[in-house]
Amino acid sequence: MAELSSNFKCVELCKGINGLDKIVLREIRGSSAEVYLYGAHVTSWKNDRGDELLFMSSKAIFKPPNAIRGGIPICFPQFGGHGALEKHGFARNRVWAVESNPPPLPTISANRAFVDLILKPSDEDYKIWPHYFEFRLRVSLGPAGDLMLTSRIRNTGTDGKPFSFTFAYHTYLSVSDISEVRVEGLETLDYLDNLLERERFTEQGDSITFESEVDKVYLSTPTKIAVLDHEKKRTFVIRKDGLPDAVVWNPWEKKAKGIVDLGDDDFKHMVCVEAACIEKPITLKPGEEWTGRQDISIVPSSYCSGRQHYGT
């Protein structure tokens, strides 16, 4: 192991599955996170009791050029599958570099274990997406165990041309039983239903629950979304900035059986709630930079009162 920080020896570079390099973040109170350089992919986030909070597929393939199924894949420069680009873009299929001296972030990272990663386009990337960029990602673990991902994407082209992209943190949360999960904060909002050729609807329920396959892009969403796990009596609170949309996805039984790197029953123990920017692509002129942040924390929840309270 190579120590990258003297902050309680909380940031270490080591080997993961199949010899792939990964960064391990440890907070002094006991929480931890793991980030593979392949894809800048967060594959583990544990609380101070060692409980895994992210879902990883039982059949995840840790072998390039396959994307890793589970955790938090980075979808850039597109979400979905269009044109010459592979589905969800190429950022999750590239080896990122650790950046030792990145430009300062406006957000305070004091008392956080963190790592800064960077991706620049290769010649092959430029052939399929002809733009020059720098993508910086900071993954940080707070004293209370919250997990924050901050992305900064800059147009470094010198040809005077802007570029546009869509983006998502494709977050897989670990849940006890998908039938006992509900998502709050998206009620009454418009969404695009990917199961119905992106037809636009308005959410009618007072919360989102799961009885079959769900694949929706909610639009103009609030900065906070809550995912309540009845059985484990805990709530994921997702706070986001710069990411107006939110994807909610579960493949359910039939679709799960058709996904080669997903176990047949894995759908029961996962839900994807993703901070995203999809409906209106982000456009950057040369020299411009975009920032998008997602912060996930855990709070206890009880179903005794009917409605939950998960902070402000």
Protein backbone atom coordinates (compact mmCIF):
# COMPACT_ATOMS: atom_id res chain seq x y z
CA MET A 1 0.00 0.00 0.00
CA ALA A 2 1.14 3.55 -0.75
CA GLU A 3 0.07 6.23 1.66
CA LEU A 4 -1.14 9.38 -0.11
CA SER A 5 -1.97 11.42 2.97
CA SER A 6 -0.84 11.77 6.56
CA ASN A 7 -4.35 12.74 7.68
CA PHE A 8 -4.84 9.80 10.09
CA LYS A 9 -3.32 7.62 7.31
CA CYS A 10 -6.76 7.86 5.73
CA VAL A 11 -5.94 7.76 2.01
CA GLU A 12 -4.14 4.74 0.58
CA LEU A 13 -3.40 3.42 -2.89
CA CYS A 14 -3.53 -0.38 -3.17
CA LYS A 15 -4.51 -3.22 -5.47
CA GLY A 16 -8.11 -4.27 -5.89
CA ILE A 17 -9.84 -7.05 -7.80
CA ASN A 18 -7.82 -8.42 -10.74
CA GLY A 19 -4.90 -6.19 -9.74
CA LEU A 20 -6.69 -2.95 -10.60
CA ASP A 21 -5.48 0.09 -8.66
CA LYS A 22 -7.84 1.53 -6.09
CA ILE A 23 -7.86 4.27 -3.49
CA VAL A 24 -9.12 3.50 0.02
CA LEU A 25 -10.46 6.41 2.07
CA ARG A 26 -10.86 5.90 5.82
CA GLU A 27 -12.39 8.31 8.28
CA ILE A 28 -11.11 8.25 11.86
CA ARG A 29 -14.54 7.27 13.23
CA GLY A 30 -14.59 4.12 11.10
CA SER A 31 -16.41 4.88 7.84
CA SER A 32 -14.65 4.08 4.56
CA ALA A 33 -14.90 4.29 0.78
CA GLU A 34 -13.07 2.65 -2.12
CA VAL A 35 -12.46 4.23 -5.53
CA TYR A 36 -11.03 2.34 -8.50
CA LEU A 37 -8.85 4.37 -10.87
CA TYR A 38 -10.55 2.43 -13.64
CA GLY A 39 -13.60 4.58 -14.26
CA ALA A 40 -12.98 6.76 -11.16
CA HIS A 41 -15.54 4.29 -9.87
CA VAL A 42 -16.66 4.28 -6.22
CA THR A 43 -17.24 0.59 -5.44
CA SER A 44 -17.68 0.68 -1.66
CA TRP A 45 -19.00 3.04 1.00
CA LYS A 46 -19.31 1.74 4.53
CA ASN A 47 -20.56 3.35 7.72
CA ASP A 48 -18.72 3.31 11.04
CA ARG A 49 -20.18 -0.14 11.81
CA GLY A 50 -18.81 -1.58 8.58
CA ASP A 51 -22.21 -1.87 6.85
CA GLU A 52 -21.96 -1.63 3.05
CA LEU A 53 -24.19 1.18 1.77
CA LEU A 54 -23.64 0.83 -1.97
CA PHE A 55 -24.88 -2.10 -4.03
CA MET A 56 -22.37 -4.10 -6.09
CA SER A 57 -23.57 -6.75 -8.51
CA SER A 58 -22.78 -10.32 -7.55
CA LYS A 59 -21.58 -10.73 -11.15
CA ALA A 60 -19.68 -7.45 -11.52
CA ILE A 61 -16.84 -7.69 -14.05
CA PHE A 62 -13.63 -5.99 -12.91
CA LYS A 63 -11.91 -6.30 -16.25
CA PRO A 64 -11.46 -3.52 -18.82
CA PRO A 65 -13.05 -2.60 -21.15
CA ASN A 66 -16.19 -3.69 -19.27
CA ALA A 67 -17.87 -1.12 -17.05
CA ILE A 68 -18.19 -2.15 -13.39
CA ARG A 69 -21.79 -2.97 -12.40
CA GLY A 70 -22.77 -1.28 -9.15
CA GLY A 71 -21.33 1.41 -6.90
CA ILE A 72 -21.23 4.83 -8.57
CA PRO A 73 -20.33 4.79 -12.28
CA ILE A 74 -19.67 8.18 -13.90
CA CYS A 75 -21.81 8.79 -17.01
CA PHE A 76 -19.99 11.27 -19.30
CA PRO A 77 -20.14 12.70 -21.94
CA GLN A 78 -23.59 11.22 -22.34
CA PHE A 79 -26.25 9.45 -20.34
CA GLY A 80 -27.94 6.76 -22.40
CA GLY A 81 -26.82 5.51 -25.77
CA HIS A 82 -26.68 7.64 -28.91
CA GLY A 83 -24.38 7.94 -31.92
CA ALA A 84 -20.78 6.73 -31.96
CA LEU A 85 -20.39 6.92 -28.19
CA GLU A 86 -20.89 3.83 -26.07
CA LYS A 87 -23.85 3.78 -23.70
CA HIS A 88 -23.35 6.23 -20.82
CA GLY A 89 -20.16 7.58 -22.43
CA PHE A 90 -16.55 6.55 -21.94
CA ALA A 91 -15.50 8.06 -18.58
CA ARG A 92 -16.48 4.86 -16.73
CA ASN A 93 -14.30 2.78 -19.09
CA ARG A 94 -11.05 4.76 -18.79
CA VAL A 95 -8.17 4.69 -16.33
CA TRP A 96 -8.00 7.98 -14.44
CA ALA A 97 -4.92 9.51 -12.85
CA VAL A 98 -4.44 10.71 -9.28
CA GLU A 99 -3.93 14.49 -9.34
CA SER A 100 -1.56 15.63 -6.62
CA ASN A 101 -1.96 19.40 -7.02
CA PRO A 102 -5.40 20.24 -8.44
CA PRO A 103 -6.82 23.76 -8.67
CA PRO A 104 -8.55 24.71 -5.41
CA LEU A 105 -12.19 23.86 -4.89
CA PRO A 106 -14.54 26.52 -3.50
CA THR A 107 -16.06 23.91 -1.17
CA ILE A 108 -14.37 23.31 2.16
CA SER A 109 -12.68 19.91 2.48
CA ALA A 110 -11.25 20.36 5.95
CA ASN A 111 -11.51 17.24 8.11
CA ARG A 112 -12.34 15.13 5.06
CA ALA A 113 -10.43 12.19 3.65
CA PHE A 114 -10.38 12.80 -0.09
CA VAL A 115 -8.69 11.97 -3.37
CA ASP A 116 -8.53 14.03 -6.57
CA LEU A 117 -8.65 12.22 -9.90
CA ILE A 118 -8.34 13.57 -13.44
CA LEU A 119 -9.26 12.36 -16.92
CA LYS A 120 -8.10 13.87 -20.21
CA PRO A 121 -9.07 12.58 -23.66
CA SER A 122 -6.83 10.12 -25.43
CA ASP A 123 -6.39 10.16 -29.20
CA GLU A 124 -8.95 7.35 -29.41
CA ASP A 125 -11.42 9.31 -27.28
CA TYR A 126 -10.98 12.33 -29.55
CA LYS A 127 -11.90 10.24 -32.59
CA ILE A 128 -15.30 9.32 -31.15
CA TRP A 129 -15.92 12.62 -29.29
CA PRO A 130 -13.76 15.35 -30.90
CA HIS A 131 -13.37 17.73 -27.97
CA TYR A 132 -10.59 18.59 -25.55
CA PHE A 133 -11.49 18.61 -21.88
CA GLU A 134 -10.23 18.09 -18.36
CA PHE A 135 -12.51 16.18 -16.01
CA ARG A 136 -11.57 16.47 -12.35
CA LEU A 137 -13.34 14.38 -9.73
CA ARG A 138 -12.92 14.72 -5.98
CA VAL A 139 -14.24 11.84 -3.87
CA SER A 140 -14.37 12.74 -0.19
CA LEU A 141 -15.53 11.16 3.05
CA GLY A 142 -16.75 13.45 5.82
CA PRO A 143 -16.30 13.12 9.60
CA ALA A 144 -19.91 11.94 9.93
CA GLY A 145 -19.40 9.40 7.14
CA ASP A 146 -21.14 11.23 4.28
CA LEU A 147 -19.84 10.56 0.78
CA MET A 148 -19.34 13.53 -1.55
CA LEU A 149 -18.46 13.46 -5.25
CA THR A 150 -17.56 16.76 -6.90
CA SER A 151 -17.03 16.84 -10.67
CA ARG A 152 -15.42 19.72 -12.56
CA ILE A 153 -15.40 19.57 -16.34
CA ARG A 154 -13.50 22.22 -18.33
CA ASN A 155 -13.42 22.89 -22.05
CA THR A 156 -9.68 23.09 -22.84
CA GLY A 157 -10.11 23.33 -26.62
CA THR A 158 -8.21 26.01 -28.54
CA ASP A 159 -10.41 25.90 -31.64
CA GLY A 160 -12.98 28.31 -30.22
CA LYS A 161 -15.75 25.69 -30.38
CA PRO A 162 -18.13 24.87 -27.52
CA PHE A 163 -19.16 21.33 -26.65
CA SER A 164 -22.24 19.88 -24.99
CA PHE A 165 -22.71 16.85 -22.77
CA THR A 166 -25.11 15.09 -20.45
CA PHE A 167 -24.05 13.60 -17.14
CA ALA A 168 -25.09 11.37 -14.24
CA TYR A 169 -23.74 9.85 -11.06
CA HIS A 170 -25.24 6.39 -11.70
CA THR A 171 -25.56 5.62 -7.97
CA TYR A 172 -26.57 2.11 -6.89
CA LEU A 173 -27.83 2.13 -3.29
CA SER A 174 -27.95 -1.07 -1.24
CA VAL A 175 -31.41 -1.78 0.15
CA SER A 176 -32.86 -4.70 2.10
CA ASP A 177 -35.88 -5.30 -0.14
CA ILE A 178 -36.87 -3.11 -3.09
CA SER A 179 -40.55 -3.75 -2.33
CA GLU A 180 -40.08 -2.01 1.02
CA VAL A 181 -38.30 1.07 -0.36
CA ARG A 182 -39.74 4.45 -1.18
CA VAL A 183 -38.29 7.62 -2.64
CA GLU A 184 -39.46 11.03 -1.40
CA GLY A 185 -38.87 14.47 -2.87
CA LEU A 186 -39.93 13.80 -6.47
CA GLU A 187 -43.70 13.76 -6.04
CA THR A 188 -45.78 16.03 -8.38
CA LEU A 189 -42.78 16.47 -10.72
CA ASP A 190 -42.66 15.81 -14.45
CA TYR A 191 -40.62 12.86 -15.66
CA LEU A 192 -39.57 11.16 -18.89
CA ASP A 193 -40.43 7.46 -18.92
CA ASN A 194 -37.66 5.50 -20.65
CA LEU A 195 -39.95 2.45 -20.79
CA LEU A 196 -42.36 4.44 -22.98
CA GLU A 197 -39.91 6.08 -25.41
CA ARG A 198 -39.25 9.01 -23.07
CA GLU A 199 -42.87 10.12 -23.02
CA ARG A 200 -43.45 12.89 -20.50
CA PHE A 201 -45.74 12.38 -17.49
CA THR A 202 -46.38 13.98 -14.10
CA GLU A 203 -45.75 11.93 -10.95
CA GLN A 204 -49.07 11.28 -9.20
CA GLY A 205 -48.03 9.41 -6.06
CA ASP A 206 -47.05 11.00 -2.76
CA SER A 207 -43.81 8.97 -2.98
CA ILE A 208 -42.21 6.52 -5.40
CA THR A 209 -42.54 2.83 -4.58
CA PHE A 210 -41.54 -0.25 -6.57
CA GLU A 211 -43.77 -3.07 -7.82
CA SER A 212 -42.29 -3.52 -11.33
CA GLU A 213 -39.52 -2.15 -13.56
CA VAL A 214 -38.90 1.59 -13.19
CA ASP A 215 -36.75 3.75 -15.47
CA LYS A 216 -37.62 7.44 -15.17
CA VAL A 217 -35.82 10.77 -15.53
CA TYR A 218 -37.37 13.33 -13.18
CA LEU A 219 -37.00 16.95 -14.27
CA SER A 220 -36.26 20.16 -12.35
CA THR A 221 -35.85 18.25 -9.13
CA PRO A 222 -35.13 19.67 -5.65
CA THR A 223 -31.62 19.71 -4.23
CA LYS A 224 -32.55 16.98 -1.71
CA ILE A 225 -34.03 13.52 -2.29
CA ALA A 226 -34.63 10.84 0.35
CA VAL A 227 -34.57 7.07 -0.14
CA LEU A 228 -36.21 5.24 2.75
CA ASP A 229 -35.40 1.60 3.52
CA HIS A 230 -38.20 0.22 5.68
CA GLU A 231 -36.53 -2.95 6.88
CA LYS A 232 -33.19 -1.39 7.82
CA LYS A 233 -34.89 1.70 9.26
CA ARG A 234 -32.47 4.02 7.56
CA THR A 235 -32.76 6.80 5.03
CA PHE A 236 -30.30 7.84 2.36
CA VAL A 237 -30.35 11.60 1.93
CA ILE A 238 -29.01 12.73 -1.44
CA ARG A 239 -28.09 16.39 -1.77
CA LYS A 240 -27.00 17.71 -5.14
CA ASP A 241 -25.84 20.88 -6.81
CA GLY A 242 -25.57 21.69 -10.52
CA LEU A 243 -27.59 18.58 -11.38
CA PRO A 244 -31.25 19.48 -12.01
CA ASP A 245 -32.49 16.02 -12.98
CA ALA A 246 -32.77 12.70 -11.11
CA VAL A 247 -32.92 9.19 -12.54
CA VAL A 248 -34.77 6.43 -10.68
CA TRP A 249 -34.11 2.90 -11.96
CA ASN A 250 -34.69 -0.71 -11.02
CA PRO A 251 -34.66 -3.38 -13.76
CA TRP A 252 -36.97 -5.81 -11.91
CA GLU A 253 -36.97 -9.55 -12.48
CA LYS A 254 -37.31 -9.98 -16.26
CA LYS A 255 -34.82 -7.27 -17.27
CA ALA A 256 -32.34 -8.37 -14.57
CA LYS A 257 -32.17 -11.86 -16.05
CA GLY A 258 -31.10 -10.35 -19.36
CA ILE A 259 -28.21 -8.34 -17.89
CA VAL A 260 -25.14 -10.58 -18.03
CA ASP A 261 -23.25 -8.88 -15.18
CA LEU A 262 -26.23 -8.72 -12.81
CA GLY A 263 -27.41 -11.63 -10.67
CA ASP A 264 -30.98 -12.80 -11.24
CA ASP A 265 -32.07 -11.72 -7.76
CA ASP A 266 -29.82 -8.68 -7.42
CA PHE A 267 -32.65 -6.32 -8.39
CA LYS A 268 -34.28 -7.00 -5.00
CA HIS A 269 -31.39 -5.40 -3.12
CA MET A 270 -30.64 -2.30 -5.21
CA VAL A 271 -32.14 0.95 -6.33
CA CYS A 272 -30.51 3.57 -8.51
CA VAL A 273 -31.28 7.18 -7.61
CA GLU A 274 -28.98 9.32 -9.69
CA ALA A 275 -28.15 13.02 -9.60
CA ALA A 276 -28.03 13.96 -13.27
CA CYS A 277 -28.27 16.55 -16.01
CA ILE A 278 -30.03 14.95 -18.97
CA GLU A 279 -32.99 16.92 -20.35
CA LYS A 280 -30.98 20.08 -21.13
CA PRO A 281 -27.34 19.31 -22.02
CA ILE A 282 -24.57 21.40 -20.48
CA THR A 283 -22.68 23.55 -23.00
CA LEU A 284 -19.19 24.86 -22.29
CA LYS A 285 -17.29 27.39 -24.36
CA PRO A 286 -13.47 27.14 -24.39
CA GLY A 287 -12.15 28.00 -20.94
CA GLU A 288 -15.50 27.50 -19.24
CA GLU A 289 -15.96 25.01 -16.41
CA TRP A 290 -19.00 23.22 -15.00
CA THR A 291 -19.30 21.81 -11.49
CA GLY A 292 -21.74 19.14 -10.31
CA ARG A 293 -21.82 17.72 -6.80
CA GLN A 294 -23.59 14.87 -5.04
CA ASP A 295 -23.46 14.31 -1.28
CA ILE A 296 -25.02 11.19 0.25
CA SER A 297 -25.57 10.74 3.96
CA ILE A 298 -27.44 8.25 6.14
CA VAL A 299 -29.93 9.08 8.87
CA PRO A 300 -32.04 6.71 11.00
CA SER A 301 -35.70 6.53 10.06
CA SER A 302 -38.78 5.00 11.63
CA TYR A 303 -42.04 4.21 9.90
CA CYS A 304 -44.10 4.66 13.08
CA SER A 305 -45.11 8.21 12.25
CA GLY A 306 -46.13 7.58 8.65
CA ARG A 307 -44.10 10.44 7.21
CA GLN A 308 -40.38 10.70 7.80
CA HIS A 309 -38.17 13.49 9.02
CA TYR A 310 -34.71 13.48 7.51
CA GLY A 311 -33.28 16.87 8.24
CA THR A 312 -33.06 20.03 6.21
